[in-house]
Amino acid sequence: MLGWTLMFLVIAVIAGLLGFSGIAGAAAGIAKIIFFIFVVLLLISLVSNALRGKSPR
């Protein structure tokens, strides 16, 4: 999922450099949403592993 975020971020940067501001804004928005979903899933995973008593690796 973090790979998707980086892909959309690269698309946003390239589109912004080429002058496609609408596409750049949309790609940046998608990258932001996917990044926050990744962070939430990471936190849920860490909390659930801590409650089960497993150490993070």
C-alpha atoms as a PDB file:
ATOM      1  CA  MET A   1       0.000   0.000   0.000  1.00  0.00           C
ATOM      2  CA  LEU A   2       2.895   2.325   0.708  1.00  0.00           C
ATOM      3  CA  GLY A   3       4.160   1.526  -2.783  1.00  0.00           C
ATOM      4  CA  TRP A   4       0.886   2.790  -4.254  1.00  0.00           C
ATOM      5  CA  THR A   5       1.275   5.998  -2.297  1.00  0.00           C
ATOM      6  CA  LEU A   6       4.750   6.544  -3.688  1.00  0.00           C
ATOM      7  CA  MET A   7       3.525   5.757  -7.217  1.00  0.00           C
ATOM      8  CA  PHE A   8       0.748   8.363  -7.004  1.00  0.00           C
ATOM      9  CA  LEU A   9       3.181  10.850  -5.490  1.00  0.00           C
ATOM     10  CA  VAL A  10       5.571  10.393  -8.422  1.00  0.00           C
ATOM     11  CA  ILE A  11       2.668  10.767 -10.874  1.00  0.00           C
ATOM     12  CA  ALA A  12       1.633  13.977  -9.096  1.00  0.00           C
ATOM     13  CA  VAL A  13       5.134  15.429  -9.275  1.00  0.00           C
ATOM     14  CA  ILE A  14       5.593  14.546 -12.945  1.00  0.00           C
ATOM     15  CA  ALA A  15       2.149  15.877 -13.872  1.00  0.00           C
ATOM     16  CA  GLY A  16       2.840  19.062 -11.934  1.00  0.00           C
ATOM     17  CA  LEU A  17       6.140  19.585 -13.724  1.00  0.00           C
ATOM     18  CA  LEU A  18       4.445  19.104 -17.088  1.00  0.00           C
ATOM     19  CA  GLY A  19       1.704  21.593 -16.244  1.00  0.00           C
ATOM     20  CA  PHE A  20      -1.215  19.212 -15.744  1.00  0.00           C
ATOM     21  CA  SER A  21      -2.372  20.754 -12.488  1.00  0.00           C
ATOM     22  CA  GLY A  22      -5.718  18.924 -12.383  1.00  0.00           C
ATOM     23  CA  ILE A  23      -4.116  15.520 -12.725  1.00  0.00           C
ATOM     24  CA  ALA A  24      -1.369  16.473 -10.272  1.00  0.00           C
ATOM     25  CA  GLY A  25      -3.912  17.555  -7.674  1.00  0.00           C
ATOM     26  CA  ALA A  26      -5.969  14.414  -8.087  1.00  0.00           C
ATOM     27  CA  ALA A  27      -2.918  12.143  -7.849  1.00  0.00           C
ATOM     28  CA  ALA A  28      -1.673  13.992  -4.768  1.00  0.00           C
ATOM     29  CA  GLY A  29      -5.093  13.657  -3.147  1.00  0.00           C
ATOM     30  CA  ILE A  30      -5.198   9.934  -3.840  1.00  0.00           C
ATOM     31  CA  ALA A  31      -1.654   9.537  -2.478  1.00  0.00           C
ATOM     32  CA  LYS A  32      -2.645  11.379   0.697  1.00  0.00           C
ATOM     33  CA  ILE A  33      -5.729   9.206   1.244  1.00  0.00           C
ATOM     34  CA  ILE A  34      -3.819   5.959   0.678  1.00  0.00           C
ATOM     35  CA  PHE A  35      -1.029   7.120   3.009  1.00  0.00           C
ATOM     36  CA  PHE A  36      -3.469   7.836   5.837  1.00  0.00           C
ATOM     37  CA  ILE A  37      -5.171   4.459   5.316  1.00  0.00           C
ATOM     38  CA  PHE A  38      -1.715   2.853   5.543  1.00  0.00           C
ATOM     39  CA  VAL A  39      -0.955   4.684   8.803  1.00  0.00           C
ATOM     40  CA  VAL A  40      -4.297   3.662  10.344  1.00  0.00           C
ATOM     41  CA  LEU A  41      -3.780   0.007   9.363  1.00  0.00           C
ATOM     42  CA  LEU A  42      -0.235   0.111  10.755  1.00  0.00           C
ATOM     43  CA  LEU A  43      -1.476   1.455  14.083  1.00  0.00           C
ATOM     44  CA  ILE A  44      -4.243  -1.155  14.258  1.00  0.00           C
ATOM     45  CA  SER A  45      -1.708  -3.881  13.545  1.00  0.00           C
ATOM     46  CA  LEU A  46       0.707  -2.625  16.216  1.00  0.00           C
ATOM     47  CA  VAL A  47      -2.028  -2.344  18.841  1.00  0.00           C
ATOM     48  CA  SER A  48      -3.463  -5.777  18.081  1.00  0.00           C
ATOM     49  CA  ASN A  49      -0.023  -7.379  18.257  1.00  0.00           C
ATOM     50  CA  ALA A  50       0.711  -5.587  21.537  1.00  0.00           C
ATOM     51  CA  LEU A  51      -2.577  -6.818  23.024  1.00  0.00           C
ATOM     52  CA  ARG A  52      -1.779 -10.387  21.971  1.00  0.00           C
ATOM     53  CA  GLY A  53       1.661 -10.151  23.557  1.00  0.00           C
ATOM     54  CA  LYS A  54       3.678 -10.578  20.372  1.00  0.00           C
ATOM     55  CA  SER A  55       6.739  -8.415  19.877  1.00  0.00           C
ATOM     56  CA  PRO A  56       6.922  -6.404  16.645  1.00  0.00           C
ATOM     57  CA  ARG A  57       9.620  -7.600  14.254  1.00  0.00           C
END
